[in-house]
Amino acid sequence: MYKEKEAIGLLFGSFNPLHNAHIAIADYFIKNNYVDEVWFVISPQSPFKQHFTTNDSSNRNQEYFISEDKRLELLNKSLEKHSEFKVCDIEFSMPRPSYTIDTLKRLSEEYPDKEFILIIGSDLLKDFKLWKDWQEILNNYQVYVYPRDYNDSKYILSEMKFFGSAPLIDISSSQIREKIDEGENVDKMIPDEIRKMI
């Protein structure tokens, strides 16, 4: 008997750190039955970002939010209570920097019984054609887009699907890091598990 493939939404990111907007977006796609699970694909190094680490234990922000192992630890701890969310660290064993098309191919090879759907924020649309093999992504995978700024929707490509009803939450990881550096309270922006571990 034919069984449809399980639909897995993929949220890629440095998760530096994970924040409540990530959770809200994943929750939206699950609760509306657009996907069966959401996998948080943690990227040790993005081709569009420069990452650095430090062993200086006196700087806790660097220690907790830059180190890839710490980011993975925080992500696992934050998502362990969400049965429909999974942490995917496949890029830790792949060449760096991490390219989305390479990860998609690797996941498709390792999990042939699953259909992988790329979930991205609209802020990435403007530069999407700069991604490695971007056309191959569109030819072989569904791409779901959620709003970060409604003005970004003008960049959406015909092969993509825009979810305008998804929550628009003005939170970013860089914003959180800046607030922590300045000693401001970020409790309402991050999961309790991350707040407790900082």
Protein backbone atom coordinates (compact mmCIF):
# COMPACT_ATOMS: atom_id res chain seq x y z
CA MET A 1 0.00 0.00 0.00
CA TYR A 2 1.34 3.42 -1.00
CA LYS A 3 2.15 5.72 1.89
CA GLU A 4 2.68 9.43 1.35
CA LYS A 5 6.01 10.78 2.43
CA GLU A 6 6.14 12.57 5.74
CA ALA A 7 6.42 16.32 5.16
CA ILE A 8 9.35 17.83 7.03
CA GLY A 9 9.72 21.61 7.21
CA LEU A 10 13.33 22.72 7.49
CA LEU A 11 14.26 25.88 9.37
CA PHE A 12 17.93 26.63 8.77
CA GLY A 13 19.86 28.97 11.01
CA SER A 14 22.80 29.72 13.23
CA PHE A 15 20.33 29.90 16.15
CA ASN A 16 22.68 32.33 17.78
CA PRO A 17 20.54 32.12 19.91
CA LEU A 18 17.19 30.45 19.20
CA HIS A 19 14.39 32.89 20.00
CA ASN A 20 10.61 32.92 20.37
CA ALA A 21 9.99 33.98 16.77
CA HIS A 22 11.66 30.75 15.59
CA ILE A 23 9.30 28.79 17.84
CA ALA A 24 6.23 30.75 16.70
CA ILE A 25 6.97 30.18 13.02
CA ALA A 26 7.55 26.45 13.49
CA ASP A 27 4.38 26.22 15.55
CA TYR A 28 2.39 27.99 12.83
CA PHE A 29 3.38 25.47 10.16
CA ILE A 30 2.65 22.53 12.46
CA LYS A 31 -0.72 23.74 13.78
CA ASN A 32 -1.98 24.56 10.29
CA ASN A 33 -0.94 21.10 9.04
CA TYR A 34 1.39 22.45 6.39
CA VAL A 35 4.10 20.05 7.61
CA ASP A 36 4.23 17.02 9.90
CA GLU A 37 7.42 18.07 11.69
CA VAL A 38 9.80 21.00 11.73
CA TRP A 39 13.51 20.27 11.85
CA PHE A 40 15.78 23.03 13.09
CA VAL A 41 18.91 22.66 10.96
CA ILE A 42 21.72 24.30 12.91
CA SER A 43 24.46 25.72 10.70
CA PRO A 44 27.97 25.87 12.18
CA GLN A 45 28.98 28.32 9.46
CA SER A 46 26.85 30.13 6.91
CA PRO A 47 28.50 31.37 3.68
CA PHE A 48 26.89 34.76 4.36
CA LYS A 49 28.12 35.12 7.95
CA GLN A 50 31.51 35.19 9.61
CA HIS A 51 31.57 33.15 12.80
CA PHE A 52 34.26 33.18 15.40
CA THR A 53 34.70 31.46 18.73
CA THR A 54 36.45 32.30 21.93
CA ASN A 55 37.73 30.32 24.87
CA ASP A 56 37.65 33.36 27.12
CA SER A 57 35.36 32.17 29.91
CA SER A 58 35.10 35.73 31.25
CA ASN A 59 32.96 36.68 28.24
CA ARG A 60 29.84 34.59 28.70
CA ASN A 61 28.02 36.10 25.71
CA GLN A 62 30.75 34.91 23.35
CA GLU A 63 30.94 31.53 25.07
CA TYR A 64 27.21 30.84 24.90
CA PHE A 65 26.21 32.43 21.63
CA ILE A 66 29.15 31.91 19.30
CA SER A 67 30.44 28.40 20.05
CA GLU A 68 28.68 25.90 17.78
CA ASP A 69 28.63 23.25 20.50
CA LYS A 70 26.97 25.65 22.93
CA ARG A 71 24.41 26.67 20.31
CA LEU A 72 23.60 23.02 19.71
CA GLU A 73 23.28 22.39 23.44
CA LEU A 74 20.92 25.35 23.85
CA LEU A 75 18.84 24.27 20.86
CA ASN A 76 18.45 20.70 22.10
CA LYS A 77 17.48 21.87 25.57
CA SER A 78 14.95 24.39 24.26
CA LEU A 79 13.16 22.00 21.91
CA GLU A 80 13.09 18.78 23.95
CA LYS A 81 9.51 19.42 25.12
CA HIS A 82 8.19 19.92 21.58
CA SER A 83 7.48 16.52 20.05
CA GLU A 84 6.94 17.92 16.53
CA PHE A 85 10.26 19.78 16.55
CA LYS A 86 13.59 18.08 15.92
CA VAL A 87 17.17 19.31 16.06
CA CYS A 88 19.23 18.44 12.98
CA ASP A 89 23.01 18.78 13.27
CA ILE A 90 23.83 17.17 9.92
CA GLU A 91 25.88 20.20 8.83
CA PHE A 92 28.34 19.57 11.67
CA SER A 93 29.67 16.64 9.63
CA MET A 94 29.65 18.44 6.27
CA PRO A 95 32.18 20.77 4.58
CA ARG A 96 32.07 24.40 5.64
CA PRO A 97 30.66 26.86 4.92
CA SER A 98 27.27 25.17 4.72
CA TYR A 99 25.28 25.46 1.49
CA THR A 100 21.54 24.79 1.63
CA ILE A 101 21.42 22.75 -1.59
CA ASP A 102 24.14 20.39 -0.33
CA THR A 103 22.31 19.84 2.94
CA LEU A 104 19.00 19.26 1.17
CA LYS A 105 20.60 16.62 -1.06
CA ARG A 106 22.26 14.91 1.89
CA LEU A 107 19.02 14.81 3.87
CA SER A 108 17.10 13.47 0.88
CA GLU A 109 19.65 10.69 0.49
CA GLU A 110 19.61 9.76 4.16
CA TYR A 111 15.81 9.98 4.55
CA PRO A 112 14.23 8.89 1.24
CA ASP A 113 10.89 8.33 2.99
CA LYS A 114 10.53 12.05 3.81
CA GLU A 115 9.65 15.09 1.75
CA PHE A 116 11.76 18.09 2.75
CA ILE A 117 10.31 21.59 2.49
CA LEU A 118 12.48 24.66 2.92
CA ILE A 119 11.01 27.33 5.24
CA ILE A 120 12.60 30.77 4.92
CA GLY A 121 11.89 34.32 6.04
CA SER A 122 11.02 36.94 3.44
CA ASP A 123 14.16 38.87 4.40
CA LEU A 124 16.17 36.23 2.50
CA LEU A 125 14.30 36.67 -0.78
CA LYS A 126 16.26 39.62 -2.11
CA ASP A 127 19.50 37.62 -2.11
CA PHE A 128 18.04 34.20 -2.88
CA LYS A 129 19.52 34.16 -6.39
CA LEU A 130 22.96 34.49 -4.81
CA TRP A 131 22.53 31.09 -3.14
CA LYS A 132 24.49 28.18 -4.55
CA ASP A 133 22.38 26.33 -7.15
CA TRP A 134 19.27 28.31 -6.20
CA GLN A 135 17.39 27.14 -9.29
CA GLU A 136 18.05 23.51 -8.38
CA ILE A 137 16.49 24.17 -4.97
CA LEU A 138 13.33 25.49 -6.62
CA ASN A 139 13.24 22.64 -9.14
CA ASN A 140 13.45 19.91 -6.53
CA TYR A 141 12.05 21.26 -3.26
CA GLN A 142 9.07 23.27 -2.11
CA VAL A 143 9.97 26.63 -0.59
CA TYR A 144 7.62 28.15 1.99
CA VAL A 145 8.12 31.82 2.83
CA TYR A 146 6.95 33.56 6.01
CA PRO A 147 6.91 37.35 6.45
CA ARG A 148 9.71 39.27 8.13
CA ASP A 149 8.74 42.50 6.39
CA TYR A 150 5.75 42.60 4.05
CA ASN A 151 7.71 44.80 1.63
CA ASP A 152 9.99 41.83 0.97
CA SER A 153 7.16 39.88 -0.68
CA LYS A 154 7.85 41.70 -3.97
CA TYR A 155 10.95 39.53 -4.33
CA ILE A 156 9.09 36.23 -4.10
CA LEU A 157 9.59 33.87 -7.04
CA SER A 158 6.70 32.08 -8.74
CA GLU A 159 7.91 28.65 -7.55
CA MET A 160 7.67 29.72 -3.90
CA LYS A 161 4.61 29.81 -1.65
CA PHE A 162 4.10 32.87 0.55
CA PHE A 163 2.30 32.46 3.88
CA GLY A 164 1.11 35.98 4.64
CA SER A 165 -0.92 34.81 7.64
CA ALA A 166 2.16 33.51 9.45
CA PRO A 167 3.12 35.56 12.53
CA LEU A 168 5.22 38.64 11.87
CA ILE A 169 7.45 38.98 14.94
CA ASP A 170 10.19 41.59 15.11
CA ILE A 171 12.86 39.58 16.88
CA SER A 172 16.31 38.68 15.60
CA SER A 173 19.26 36.86 17.13
CA SER A 174 21.55 39.85 16.52
CA GLN A 175 19.08 42.09 18.33
CA ILE A 176 19.11 39.73 21.31
CA ARG A 177 22.92 39.60 21.41
CA GLU A 178 23.10 43.40 21.35
CA LYS A 179 20.62 43.68 24.22
CA ILE A 180 22.56 41.12 26.28
CA ASP A 181 25.80 43.03 25.63
CA GLU A 182 24.08 46.20 26.85
CA GLY A 183 22.70 44.47 29.95
CA GLU A 184 19.07 44.69 28.85
CA ASN A 185 16.41 42.12 29.73
CA VAL A 186 15.63 39.62 26.96
CA ASP A 187 13.47 37.17 28.94
CA LYS A 188 10.39 37.72 26.73
CA MET A 189 12.37 37.13 23.54
CA ILE A 190 13.92 33.72 24.26
CA PRO A 191 12.69 30.34 25.57
CA ASP A 192 12.93 29.79 29.33
CA GLU A 193 15.47 27.02 28.83
CA ILE A 194 17.91 29.41 27.16
CA ARG A 195 17.30 32.11 29.75
CA LYS A 196 18.15 29.65 32.53
CA MET A 197 21.36 28.51 30.83
CA ILE A 198 22.73 31.98 30.15
